[in-house]
Amino acid sequence: MERLVKRDSEKTRAQILDVAFIEIYMNSFQAVSVDQIVAKTKMTKGAFFHHFPSKKELGYVLANEYLRDMMEERWIKPLRVYKDPVQGILHCFKKNIVEIPDEFMACGCPLNNLCQEMSTVDPKFREILSSVLGAWIEGTREHLERGKSEGYLKKNLNSQQMAQYIVMAQEGAYGMGKVFRDRKLLQSLHAALKEHLEPYRLGK
């Protein structure tokens, strides 16, 4: 019985995060109210506040757990199956460009949105978002280092610097996509990133 209650509680928490993610992604964090999130979940405010003492606490969890997991699933874990990490990085980028729905292209990157909106007004948000971006850079760096050690990338590649560049390019691309709303622009930015990375590949 206790296990069932715990499972139901975890399901409720996950449902609140799912709904909050979409509402915040589509409207921004500061524009969304607890009432809006509660109405979409069809739960009570009591259920919301049982899991999250405030909207701000919800935002911290959303950034630290939800967006961190999304980043890992979208950009880092898929690289494990590629011997050549550059091939994997470019493929993941292209896959996301192809698969992003038109209505979401206008919303940009959820992580970048929160960085732009909240990092200058809330120190804890900035700390969490910095940690998530740092993990993205570090995960990318580790795969680039693997590519060097296994002979797929040139030894003179500065893995840390390139990882920072790659994350900057991916985040910046979705920022531009949010404004221009043009898939061809994203494809052009993908081609530019590929042109920058290709000289470091050994073509095994």
N, C-alpha and C. Protein backbone atom coordinates (compact mmCIF):
# COMPACT_ATOMS: atom_id res chain seq x y z
N MET A 1 0.84 -1.20 0.00
CA MET A 1 0.00 0.00 0.00
C MET A 1 0.88 1.26 0.00
N GLU A 2 1.89 1.28 0.86
CA GLU A 2 2.79 2.43 0.94
C GLU A 2 3.50 2.66 -0.38
N ARG A 3 3.89 1.56 -1.05
CA ARG A 3 4.57 1.65 -2.33
C ARG A 3 3.63 2.23 -3.40
N LEU A 4 2.35 1.84 -3.34
CA LEU A 4 1.36 2.33 -4.29
C LEU A 4 1.14 3.83 -4.11
N VAL A 5 1.05 4.27 -2.86
CA VAL A 5 0.87 5.70 -2.57
C VAL A 5 2.07 6.49 -3.08
N LYS A 6 3.27 5.96 -2.86
CA LYS A 6 4.49 6.63 -3.32
C LYS A 6 4.50 6.73 -4.83
N ARG A 7 4.08 5.64 -5.51
CA ARG A 7 4.05 5.65 -6.97
C ARG A 7 3.05 6.67 -7.49
N ASP A 8 1.88 6.76 -6.85
CA ASP A 8 0.87 7.75 -7.24
C ASP A 8 1.38 9.16 -7.03
N SER A 9 2.10 9.38 -5.92
CA SER A 9 2.66 10.70 -5.63
C SER A 9 3.70 11.10 -6.67
N GLU A 10 4.54 10.16 -7.07
CA GLU A 10 5.55 10.42 -8.08
C GLU A 10 4.89 10.70 -9.43
N LYS A 11 3.80 9.99 -9.72
CA LYS A 11 3.07 10.21 -10.97
C LYS A 11 2.46 11.61 -11.00
N THR A 12 1.90 12.03 -9.86
CA THR A 12 1.31 13.37 -9.77
C THR A 12 2.38 14.44 -9.98
N ARG A 13 3.51 14.26 -9.32
CA ARG A 13 4.61 15.22 -9.45
C ARG A 13 5.08 15.31 -10.90
N ALA A 14 5.22 14.16 -11.54
CA ALA A 14 5.67 14.14 -12.94
C ALA A 14 4.65 14.81 -13.85
N GLN A 15 3.37 14.60 -13.56
CA GLN A 15 2.33 15.22 -14.38
C GLN A 15 2.35 16.75 -14.26
N ILE A 16 2.57 17.23 -13.04
CA ILE A 16 2.66 18.68 -12.83
C ILE A 16 3.85 19.24 -13.61
N LEU A 17 4.97 18.56 -13.56
CA LEU A 17 6.16 19.02 -14.29
C LEU A 17 5.94 19.00 -15.80
N ASP A 18 5.27 17.97 -16.30
CA ASP A 18 4.98 17.90 -17.74
C ASP A 18 4.14 19.09 -18.19
N VAL A 19 3.08 19.37 -17.43
CA VAL A 19 2.19 20.47 -17.78
C VAL A 19 2.91 21.81 -17.63
N ALA A 20 3.64 21.97 -16.53
CA ALA A 20 4.36 23.22 -16.29
C ALA A 20 5.38 23.47 -17.39
N PHE A 21 6.06 22.43 -17.85
CA PHE A 21 7.04 22.60 -18.91
C PHE A 21 6.41 23.21 -20.15
N ILE A 22 5.29 22.64 -20.60
CA ILE A 22 4.63 23.13 -21.82
C ILE A 22 4.14 24.56 -21.62
N GLU A 23 3.51 24.84 -20.49
CA GLU A 23 2.99 26.18 -20.24
C GLU A 23 4.10 27.22 -20.21
N ILE A 24 5.18 26.89 -19.55
CA ILE A 24 6.31 27.83 -19.44
C ILE A 24 7.02 27.96 -20.78
N TYR A 25 7.16 26.85 -21.49
CA TYR A 25 7.82 26.87 -22.80
C TYR A 25 7.05 27.74 -23.79
N MET A 26 5.75 27.64 -23.74
CA MET A 26 4.92 28.39 -24.69
C MET A 26 4.70 29.84 -24.28
N ASN A 27 4.81 30.14 -22.98
CA ASN A 27 4.40 31.48 -22.50
C ASN A 27 5.45 32.25 -21.70
N SER A 28 6.50 31.59 -21.25
CA SER A 28 7.57 32.12 -20.40
C SER A 28 7.26 31.84 -18.93
N PHE A 29 8.31 31.78 -18.13
CA PHE A 29 8.16 31.43 -16.71
C PHE A 29 7.38 32.50 -15.96
N GLN A 30 7.75 33.76 -16.15
CA GLN A 30 7.13 34.82 -15.37
C GLN A 30 5.67 35.06 -15.76
N ALA A 31 5.30 34.71 -16.99
CA ALA A 31 3.93 34.95 -17.45
C ALA A 31 2.95 33.89 -16.97
N VAL A 32 3.46 32.73 -16.59
CA VAL A 32 2.59 31.61 -16.20
C VAL A 32 2.31 31.66 -14.69
N SER A 33 1.06 31.40 -14.33
CA SER A 33 0.68 31.39 -12.91
C SER A 33 0.45 29.97 -12.43
N VAL A 34 0.49 29.80 -11.12
CA VAL A 34 0.16 28.50 -10.53
C VAL A 34 -1.26 28.10 -10.92
N ASP A 35 -2.18 29.05 -10.94
CA ASP A 35 -3.57 28.76 -11.32
C ASP A 35 -3.65 28.16 -12.72
N GLN A 36 -2.87 28.68 -13.66
CA GLN A 36 -2.87 28.14 -15.02
C GLN A 36 -2.39 26.69 -15.03
N ILE A 37 -1.33 26.44 -14.30
CA ILE A 37 -0.78 25.08 -14.27
C ILE A 37 -1.76 24.13 -13.62
N VAL A 38 -2.34 24.54 -12.50
CA VAL A 38 -3.31 23.70 -11.78
C VAL A 38 -4.51 23.41 -12.68
N ALA A 39 -4.99 24.42 -13.39
CA ALA A 39 -6.16 24.23 -14.27
C ALA A 39 -5.86 23.21 -15.36
N LYS A 40 -4.66 23.26 -15.92
CA LYS A 40 -4.29 22.33 -16.99
C LYS A 40 -4.13 20.90 -16.46
N THR A 41 -3.68 20.76 -15.23
CA THR A 41 -3.50 19.41 -14.67
C THR A 41 -4.81 18.82 -14.17
N LYS A 42 -5.82 19.72 -13.98
CA LYS A 42 -7.11 19.30 -13.41
C LYS A 42 -6.94 18.74 -11.99
N MET A 43 -5.93 19.26 -11.30
CA MET A 43 -5.70 18.89 -9.90
C MET A 43 -6.09 20.05 -9.00
N THR A 44 -5.93 19.86 -7.73
CA THR A 44 -6.19 20.93 -6.77
C THR A 44 -4.90 21.70 -6.49
N LYS A 45 -5.05 22.90 -5.98
CA LYS A 45 -3.87 23.65 -5.57
C LYS A 45 -3.13 22.93 -4.45
N GLY A 46 -3.89 22.22 -3.62
CA GLY A 46 -3.27 21.46 -2.55
C GLY A 46 -2.30 20.42 -3.08
N ALA A 47 -2.69 19.76 -4.19
CA ALA A 47 -1.81 18.76 -4.80
C ALA A 47 -0.54 19.43 -5.32
N PHE A 48 -0.71 20.61 -5.93
CA PHE A 48 0.45 21.34 -6.44
C PHE A 48 1.41 21.70 -5.31
N PHE A 49 0.87 22.34 -4.27
CA PHE A 49 1.73 22.83 -3.19
C PHE A 49 2.28 21.71 -2.31
N HIS A 50 1.68 20.53 -2.39
CA HIS A 50 2.23 19.37 -1.69
C HIS A 50 3.60 19.02 -2.28
N HIS A 51 3.74 19.18 -3.59
CA HIS A 51 4.99 18.82 -4.25
C HIS A 51 5.93 20.02 -4.43
N PHE A 52 5.35 21.21 -4.59
CA PHE A 52 6.16 22.41 -4.86
C PHE A 52 5.65 23.56 -3.99
N PRO A 53 6.45 24.01 -3.03
CA PRO A 53 6.02 25.06 -2.11
C PRO A 53 5.66 26.39 -2.79
N SER A 54 6.21 26.61 -3.99
CA SER A 54 5.95 27.85 -4.71
C SER A 54 6.22 27.64 -6.20
N LYS A 55 5.79 28.59 -7.00
CA LYS A 55 6.10 28.51 -8.44
C LYS A 55 7.61 28.56 -8.67
N LYS A 56 8.29 29.36 -7.88
CA LYS A 56 9.73 29.48 -8.03
C LYS A 56 10.43 28.14 -7.76
N GLU A 57 9.98 27.43 -6.71
CA GLU A 57 10.55 26.11 -6.42
C GLU A 57 10.26 25.14 -7.55
N LEU A 58 9.08 25.23 -8.14
CA LEU A 58 8.76 24.42 -9.31
C LEU A 58 9.75 24.72 -10.43
N GLY A 59 10.03 26.00 -10.64
CA GLY A 59 10.97 26.39 -11.69
C GLY A 59 12.36 25.84 -11.46
N TYR A 60 12.80 25.83 -10.21
CA TYR A 60 14.12 25.28 -9.91
C TYR A 60 14.17 23.79 -10.25
N VAL A 61 13.13 23.07 -9.88
CA VAL A 61 13.08 21.63 -10.16
C VAL A 61 13.00 21.39 -11.67
N LEU A 62 12.20 22.20 -12.33
CA LEU A 62 12.04 22.06 -13.78
C LEU A 62 13.39 22.21 -14.48
N ALA A 63 14.17 23.20 -14.04
CA ALA A 63 15.49 23.43 -14.65
C ALA A 63 16.48 22.33 -14.28
N ASN A 64 16.52 21.99 -12.99
CA ASN A 64 17.55 21.08 -12.49
C ASN A 64 17.29 19.62 -12.83
N GLU A 65 16.03 19.24 -12.95
CA GLU A 65 15.70 17.84 -13.24
C GLU A 65 15.19 17.67 -14.67
N TYR A 66 14.10 18.35 -14.97
CA TYR A 66 13.40 18.15 -16.24
C TYR A 66 14.27 18.56 -17.43
N LEU A 67 14.79 19.77 -17.40
CA LEU A 67 15.59 20.25 -18.52
C LEU A 67 16.96 19.57 -18.57
N ARG A 68 17.50 19.22 -17.40
CA ARG A 68 18.77 18.48 -17.38
C ARG A 68 18.59 17.12 -18.05
N ASP A 69 17.52 16.42 -17.69
CA ASP A 69 17.24 15.12 -18.31
C ASP A 69 17.00 15.26 -19.81
N MET A 70 16.27 16.29 -20.19
CA MET A 70 15.99 16.52 -21.61
C MET A 70 17.28 16.77 -22.38
N MET A 71 18.16 17.57 -21.81
CA MET A 71 19.44 17.84 -22.44
C MET A 71 20.25 16.55 -22.61
N GLU A 72 20.31 15.75 -21.56
CA GLU A 72 21.06 14.49 -21.62
C GLU A 72 20.49 13.56 -22.70
N GLU A 73 19.17 13.43 -22.74
CA GLU A 73 18.53 12.52 -23.68
C GLU A 73 18.67 13.00 -25.12
N ARG A 74 18.67 14.30 -25.32
CA ARG A 74 18.68 14.85 -26.68
C ARG A 74 20.09 15.02 -27.24
N TRP A 75 21.06 15.40 -26.40
CA TRP A 75 22.35 15.83 -26.92
C TRP A 75 23.54 14.98 -26.48
N ILE A 76 23.45 14.28 -25.36
CA ILE A 76 24.63 13.56 -24.84
C ILE A 76 24.51 12.04 -25.00
N LYS A 77 23.46 11.45 -24.47
CA LYS A 77 23.32 9.99 -24.53
C LYS A 77 23.38 9.43 -25.95
N PRO A 78 22.76 10.08 -26.95
CA PRO A 78 22.83 9.52 -28.31
C PRO A 78 24.24 9.40 -28.87
N LEU A 79 25.19 10.17 -28.34
CA LEU A 79 26.56 10.15 -28.87
C LEU A 79 27.27 8.84 -28.53
N ARG A 80 26.75 8.10 -27.57
CA ARG A 80 27.41 6.87 -27.14
C ARG A 80 27.50 5.83 -28.26
N VAL A 81 26.57 5.88 -29.21
CA VAL A 81 26.54 4.85 -30.26
C VAL A 81 27.44 5.20 -31.44
N TYR A 82 28.03 6.39 -31.42
CA TYR A 82 28.88 6.83 -32.53
C TYR A 82 30.35 6.70 -32.16
N LYS A 83 31.09 5.98 -32.98
CA LYS A 83 32.54 5.92 -32.77
C LYS A 83 33.16 7.29 -33.01
N ASP A 84 32.67 7.97 -34.04
CA ASP A 84 33.13 9.32 -34.34
C ASP A 84 32.13 10.31 -33.71
N PRO A 85 32.50 10.98 -32.62
CA PRO A 85 31.56 11.85 -31.93
C PRO A 85 31.08 13.03 -32.77
N VAL A 86 31.92 13.52 -33.68
CA VAL A 86 31.49 14.63 -34.53
C VAL A 86 30.33 14.19 -35.42
N GLN A 87 30.42 12.98 -35.95
CA GLN A 87 29.30 12.44 -36.73
C GLN A 87 28.02 12.42 -35.89
N GLY A 88 28.16 12.00 -34.63
CA GLY A 88 27.00 11.94 -33.74
C GLY A 88 26.45 13.32 -33.42
N ILE A 89 27.34 14.27 -33.15
CA ILE A 89 26.91 15.64 -32.83
C ILE A 89 26.14 16.24 -33.99
N LEU A 90 26.67 16.08 -35.19
CA LEU A 90 26.01 16.64 -36.37
C LEU A 90 24.69 15.93 -36.65
N HIS A 91 24.66 14.62 -36.46
CA HIS A 91 23.42 13.87 -36.71
C HIS A 91 22.34 14.28 -35.71
N CYS A 92 22.70 14.40 -34.44
CA CYS A 92 21.72 14.81 -33.42
C CYS A 92 21.16 16.19 -33.72
N PHE A 93 22.03 17.10 -34.12
CA PHE A 93 21.61 18.46 -34.46
C PHE A 93 20.63 18.42 -35.64
N LYS A 94 20.98 17.67 -36.68
CA LYS A 94 20.13 17.58 -37.86
C LYS A 94 18.79 16.93 -37.53
N LYS A 95 18.83 15.89 -36.71
CA LYS A 95 17.62 15.19 -36.31
C LYS A 95 16.66 16.14 -35.59
N ASN A 96 17.20 16.96 -34.71
CA ASN A 96 16.36 17.90 -33.97
C ASN A 96 15.79 18.98 -34.90
N ILE A 97 16.56 19.40 -35.89
CA ILE A 97 16.07 20.39 -36.85
C ILE A 97 14.90 19.82 -37.65
N VAL A 98 15.05 18.57 -38.06
CA VAL A 98 14.00 17.93 -38.88
C VAL A 98 12.74 17.67 -38.06
N GLU A 99 12.92 17.25 -36.82
CA GLU A 99 11.78 16.78 -36.03
C GLU A 99 11.05 17.86 -35.25
N ILE A 100 11.65 19.02 -35.05
CA ILE A 100 10.99 20.04 -34.24
C ILE A 100 9.71 20.52 -34.93
N PRO A 101 8.55 20.46 -34.26
CA PRO A 101 7.30 20.93 -34.87
C PRO A 101 7.36 22.43 -35.14
N ASP A 102 6.63 22.87 -36.15
CA ASP A 102 6.64 24.29 -36.51
C ASP A 102 6.23 25.18 -35.34
N GLU A 103 5.23 24.72 -34.57
CA GLU A 103 4.75 25.55 -33.47
C GLU A 103 5.78 25.68 -32.35
N PHE A 104 6.68 24.70 -32.23
CA PHE A 104 7.72 24.78 -31.22
C PHE A 104 8.94 25.57 -31.72
N MET A 105 9.14 25.62 -33.04
CA MET A 105 10.25 26.39 -33.57
C MET A 105 10.13 27.85 -33.15
N ALA A 106 8.91 28.33 -33.07
CA ALA A 106 8.67 29.72 -32.67
C ALA A 106 8.96 29.95 -31.20
N CYS A 107 9.15 28.87 -30.43
CA CYS A 107 9.38 28.99 -28.98
C CYS A 107 10.85 28.90 -28.61
N GLY A 108 11.70 28.49 -29.54
CA GLY A 108 13.13 28.41 -29.25
C GLY A 108 13.50 27.20 -28.40
N CYS A 109 14.61 27.32 -27.69
CA CYS A 109 15.10 26.25 -26.81
C CYS A 109 14.62 26.53 -25.39
N PRO A 110 13.96 25.58 -24.74
CA PRO A 110 13.45 25.82 -23.39
C PRO A 110 14.53 26.17 -22.37
N LEU A 111 15.69 25.56 -22.50
CA LEU A 111 16.79 25.86 -21.59
C LEU A 111 17.30 27.29 -21.83
N ASN A 112 17.51 27.63 -23.08
CA ASN A 112 17.99 28.97 -23.42
C ASN A 112 16.97 30.03 -23.03
N ASN A 113 15.69 29.72 -23.19
CA ASN A 113 14.65 30.67 -22.80
C ASN A 113 14.76 31.03 -21.32
N LEU A 114 14.91 29.99 -20.49
CA LEU A 114 15.03 30.24 -19.04
C LEU A 114 16.32 30.98 -18.71
N CYS A 115 17.39 30.64 -19.40
CA CYS A 115 18.66 31.35 -19.18
C CYS A 115 18.48 32.84 -19.45
N GLN A 116 17.86 33.16 -20.57
CA GLN A 116 17.68 34.56 -20.95
C GLN A 116 16.71 35.28 -20.01
N GLU A 117 15.67 34.56 -19.58
CA GLU A 117 14.63 35.21 -18.78
C GLU A 117 15.00 35.34 -17.30
N MET A 118 15.62 34.30 -16.73
CA MET A 118 15.72 34.23 -15.27
C MET A 118 17.13 34.39 -14.70
N SER A 119 18.16 34.20 -15.49
CA SER A 119 19.52 34.20 -14.92
C SER A 119 19.94 35.59 -14.42
N THR A 120 19.33 36.64 -14.93
CA THR A 120 19.71 37.98 -14.47
C THR A 120 18.85 38.47 -13.30
N VAL A 121 17.77 37.75 -13.00
CA VAL A 121 16.86 38.22 -11.94
C VAL A 121 16.80 37.29 -10.73
N ASP A 122 17.39 36.10 -10.85
CA ASP A 122 17.32 35.14 -9.75
C ASP A 122 18.63 34.37 -9.67
N PRO A 123 19.44 34.62 -8.64
CA PRO A 123 20.75 33.96 -8.53
C PRO A 123 20.67 32.43 -8.49
N LYS A 124 19.65 31.88 -7.83
CA LYS A 124 19.55 30.43 -7.76
C LYS A 124 19.24 29.84 -9.13
N PHE A 125 18.36 30.50 -9.87
CA PHE A 125 18.10 30.06 -11.24
C PHE A 125 19.41 30.07 -12.04
N ARG A 126 20.17 31.15 -11.92
CA ARG A 126 21.41 31.26 -12.68
C ARG A 126 22.38 30.14 -12.31
N GLU A 127 22.45 29.82 -11.04
CA GLU A 127 23.33 28.74 -10.57
C GLU A 127 22.92 27.39 -11.16
N ILE A 128 21.61 27.12 -11.14
CA ILE A 128 21.11 25.84 -11.68
C ILE A 128 21.32 25.77 -13.18
N LEU A 129 20.95 26.84 -13.87
CA LEU A 129 21.07 26.86 -15.33
C LEU A 129 22.53 26.77 -15.76
N SER A 130 23.41 27.41 -15.01
CA SER A 130 24.84 27.30 -15.29
C SER A 130 25.32 25.86 -15.13
N SER A 131 24.78 25.17 -14.13
CA SER A 131 25.14 23.78 -13.91
C SER A 131 24.67 22.89 -15.05
N VAL A 132 23.46 23.14 -15.55
CA VAL A 132 22.92 22.34 -16.66
C VAL A 132 23.73 22.58 -17.93
N LEU A 133 23.99 23.83 -18.23
CA LEU A 133 24.82 24.14 -19.40
C LEU A 133 26.22 23.57 -19.24
N GLY A 134 26.76 23.65 -18.03
CA GLY A 134 28.08 23.09 -17.78
C GLY A 134 28.12 21.59 -18.01
N ALA A 135 27.05 20.90 -17.61
CA ALA A 135 26.97 19.46 -17.82
C ALA A 135 26.88 19.13 -19.31
N TRP A 136 26.19 19.96 -20.07
CA TRP A 136 26.08 19.78 -21.52
C TRP A 136 27.47 19.92 -22.16
N ILE A 137 28.17 20.96 -21.75
CA ILE A 137 29.52 21.19 -22.28
C ILE A 137 30.45 20.04 -21.88
N GLU A 138 30.37 19.62 -20.63
CA GLU A 138 31.26 18.56 -20.15
C GLU A 138 30.96 17.23 -20.85
N GLY A 139 29.67 16.92 -21.03
CA GLY A 139 29.33 15.69 -21.73
C GLY A 139 29.84 15.69 -23.16
N THR A 140 29.72 16.83 -23.82
CA THR A 140 30.24 16.97 -25.19
C THR A 140 31.75 16.84 -25.20
N ARG A 141 32.41 17.48 -24.24
CA ARG A 141 33.88 17.43 -24.16
C ARG A 141 34.36 15.99 -23.98
N GLU A 142 33.70 15.23 -23.13
CA GLU A 142 34.11 13.86 -22.88
C GLU A 142 34.03 13.01 -24.15
N HIS A 143 33.01 13.23 -24.94
CA HIS A 143 32.90 12.47 -26.19
C HIS A 143 33.95 12.91 -27.20
N LEU A 144 34.26 14.19 -27.24
CA LEU A 144 35.33 14.66 -28.12
C LEU A 144 36.68 14.05 -27.70
N GLU A 145 36.93 13.99 -26.40
CA GLU A 145 38.16 13.37 -25.90
C GLU A 145 38.21 11.89 -26.28
N ARG A 146 37.07 11.24 -26.18
CA ARG A 146 37.01 9.82 -26.59
C ARG A 146 37.36 9.69 -28.07
N GLY A 147 36.83 10.60 -28.88
CA GLY A 147 37.13 10.58 -30.32
C GLY A 147 38.61 10.77 -30.60
N LYS A 148 39.27 11.60 -29.81
CA LYS A 148 40.71 11.81 -29.97
C LYS A 148 41.48 10.55 -29.58
N SER A 149 41.12 9.98 -28.43
CA SER A 149 41.88 8.83 -27.93
C SER A 149 41.69 7.59 -28.80
N GLU A 150 40.55 7.51 -29.49
CA GLU A 150 40.29 6.34 -30.34
C GLU A 150 40.67 6.58 -31.80
N GLY A 151 41.24 7.74 -32.09
CA GLY A 151 41.77 7.99 -33.41
C GLY A 151 40.80 8.51 -34.44
N TYR A 152 39.69 9.06 -34.01
CA TYR A 152 38.70 9.61 -34.94
C TYR A 152 38.83 11.12 -35.10
N LEU A 153 39.50 11.75 -34.15
CA LEU A 153 39.69 13.20 -34.19
C LEU A 153 41.16 13.54 -33.98
N LYS A 154 41.57 14.65 -34.54
CA LYS A 154 42.97 15.06 -34.45
C LYS A 154 43.35 15.41 -33.01
N LYS A 155 44.60 15.11 -32.69
CA LYS A 155 45.08 15.33 -31.32
C LYS A 155 45.16 16.81 -30.95
N ASN A 156 45.25 17.68 -31.95
CA ASN A 156 45.39 19.11 -31.65
C ASN A 156 44.05 19.79 -31.37
N LEU A 157 42.98 19.03 -31.39
CA LEU A 157 41.65 19.58 -31.07
C LEU A 157 41.60 19.95 -29.58
N ASN A 158 41.23 21.18 -29.30
CA ASN A 158 41.00 21.62 -27.92
C ASN A 158 39.57 21.23 -27.56
N SER A 159 39.42 20.11 -26.85
CA SER A 159 38.10 19.54 -26.61
C SER A 159 37.19 20.45 -25.78
N GLN A 160 37.75 21.10 -24.78
CA GLN A 160 36.97 22.00 -23.94
C GLN A 160 36.45 23.19 -24.74
N GLN A 161 37.33 23.80 -25.46
CA GLN A 161 36.95 24.97 -26.26
C GLN A 161 35.94 24.58 -27.34
N MET A 162 36.14 23.44 -27.99
CA MET A 162 35.22 23.02 -29.04
C MET A 162 33.86 22.65 -28.47
N ALA A 163 33.85 22.03 -27.30
CA ALA A 163 32.57 21.68 -26.66
C ALA A 163 31.78 22.94 -26.35
N GLN A 164 32.46 23.95 -25.85
CA GLN A 164 31.79 25.23 -25.58
C GLN A 164 31.24 25.83 -26.87
N TYR A 165 32.01 25.74 -27.93
CA TYR A 165 31.58 26.28 -29.22
C TYR A 165 30.35 25.55 -29.75
N ILE A 166 30.36 24.22 -29.64
CA ILE A 166 29.25 23.41 -30.14
C ILE A 166 27.96 23.74 -29.40
N VAL A 167 28.02 23.82 -28.08
CA VAL A 167 26.83 24.14 -27.30
C VAL A 167 26.35 25.56 -27.63
N MET A 168 27.29 26.47 -27.77
CA MET A 168 26.93 27.84 -28.16
C MET A 168 26.23 27.85 -29.51
N ALA A 169 26.74 27.07 -30.47
CA ALA A 169 26.16 27.03 -31.81
C ALA A 169 24.75 26.44 -31.78
N GLN A 170 24.58 25.38 -31.02
CA GLN A 170 23.26 24.75 -30.95
C GLN A 170 22.25 25.65 -30.25
N GLU A 171 22.64 26.23 -29.14
CA GLU A 171 21.74 27.13 -28.42
C GLU A 171 21.44 28.37 -29.26
N GLY A 172 22.47 28.92 -29.88
CA GLY A 172 22.28 30.11 -30.70
C GLY A 172 21.39 29.86 -31.90
N ALA A 173 21.51 28.67 -32.47
CA ALA A 173 20.69 28.32 -33.64
C ALA A 173 19.21 28.37 -33.29
N TYR A 174 18.86 27.81 -32.13
CA TYR A 174 17.44 27.80 -31.75
C TYR A 174 16.97 29.19 -31.34
N GLY A 175 17.88 30.02 -30.85
CA GLY A 175 17.54 31.40 -30.57
C GLY A 175 17.20 32.14 -31.86
N MET A 176 17.99 31.92 -32.91
CA MET A 176 17.71 32.54 -34.20
C MET A 176 16.46 31.95 -34.84
N GLY A 177 16.28 30.64 -34.66
CA GLY A 177 15.09 30.00 -35.20
C GLY A 177 13.82 30.55 -34.59
N LYS A 178 13.91 30.93 -33.32
CA LYS A 178 12.76 31.52 -32.61
C LYS A 178 12.33 32.83 -33.25
N VAL A 179 13.29 33.58 -33.75
CA VAL A 179 13.00 34.88 -34.37
C VAL A 179 12.61 34.72 -35.83
N PHE A 180 13.43 33.97 -36.61
CA PHE A 180 13.20 33.87 -38.04
C PHE A 180 12.14 32.81 -38.41
N ARG A 181 11.99 31.80 -37.56
CA ARG A 181 11.00 30.74 -37.78
C ARG A 181 11.16 30.11 -39.17
N ASP A 182 12.39 29.81 -39.48
CA ASP A 182 12.73 29.31 -40.81
C ASP A 182 13.63 28.09 -40.67
N ARG A 183 13.10 26.94 -41.06
CA ARG A 183 13.86 25.70 -40.93
C ARG A 183 15.13 25.72 -41.81
N LYS A 184 15.05 26.43 -42.92
CA LYS A 184 16.21 26.52 -43.81
C LYS A 184 17.37 27.25 -43.14
N LEU A 185 17.04 28.22 -42.29
CA LEU A 185 18.09 28.91 -41.54
C LEU A 185 18.81 27.92 -40.61
N LEU A 186 18.04 27.08 -39.92
CA LEU A 186 18.65 26.09 -39.03
C LEU A 186 19.52 25.12 -39.82
N GLN A 187 19.08 24.75 -41.01
CA GLN A 187 19.87 23.84 -41.85
C GLN A 187 21.17 24.52 -42.28
N SER A 188 21.10 25.83 -42.54
CA SER A 188 22.30 26.58 -42.91
C SER A 188 23.28 26.64 -41.74
N LEU A 189 22.77 26.82 -40.53
CA LEU A 189 23.62 26.87 -39.34
C LEU A 189 24.23 25.50 -39.07
N HIS A 190 23.47 24.44 -39.34
CA HIS A 190 24.02 23.08 -39.23
C HIS A 190 25.19 22.90 -40.19
N ALA A 191 25.02 23.38 -41.42
CA ALA A 191 26.09 23.27 -42.42
C ALA A 191 27.33 24.05 -41.98
N ALA A 192 27.11 25.20 -41.35
CA ALA A 192 28.24 26.01 -40.88
C ALA A 192 28.98 25.30 -39.75
N LEU A 193 28.24 24.67 -38.85
CA LEU A 193 28.88 23.93 -37.76
C LEU A 193 29.68 22.75 -38.33
N LYS A 194 29.09 22.06 -39.30
CA LYS A 194 29.79 20.94 -39.93
C LYS A 194 31.09 21.40 -40.58
N GLU A 195 31.06 22.53 -41.26
CA GLU A 195 32.25 23.08 -41.90
C GLU A 195 33.34 23.40 -40.88
N HIS A 196 32.91 23.83 -39.70
CA HIS A 196 33.86 24.16 -38.64
C HIS A 196 34.49 22.90 -38.02
N LEU A 197 33.70 21.82 -37.95
CA LEU A 197 34.16 20.61 -37.28
C LEU A 197 34.94 19.67 -38.20
N GLU A 198 34.62 19.67 -39.47
CA GLU A 198 35.20 18.70 -40.41
C GLU A 198 36.72 18.64 -40.41
N PRO A 199 37.42 19.78 -40.34
CA PRO A 199 38.90 19.72 -40.39
C PRO A 199 39.54 18.92 -39.26
N TYR A 200 38.80 18.67 -38.19
CA TYR A 200 39.35 17.93 -37.05
C TYR A 200 39.10 16.43 -37.14
N ARG A 201 38.37 15.99 -38.15
CA ARG A 201 38.07 14.55 -38.29
C ARG A 201 39.20 13.87 -39.07
N LEU A 202 39.45 12.62 -38.72
CA LEU A 202 40.52 11.86 -39.38
C LEU A 202 39.98 10.90 -40.44
N GLY A 203 38.67 10.79 -40.53
CA GLY A 203 38.06 10.02 -41.61
C GLY A 203 38.33 8.53 -41.56
N LYS A 204 38.32 7.96 -40.36
CA LYS A 204 38.55 6.51 -40.22
C LYS A 204 37.35 5.74 -40.78
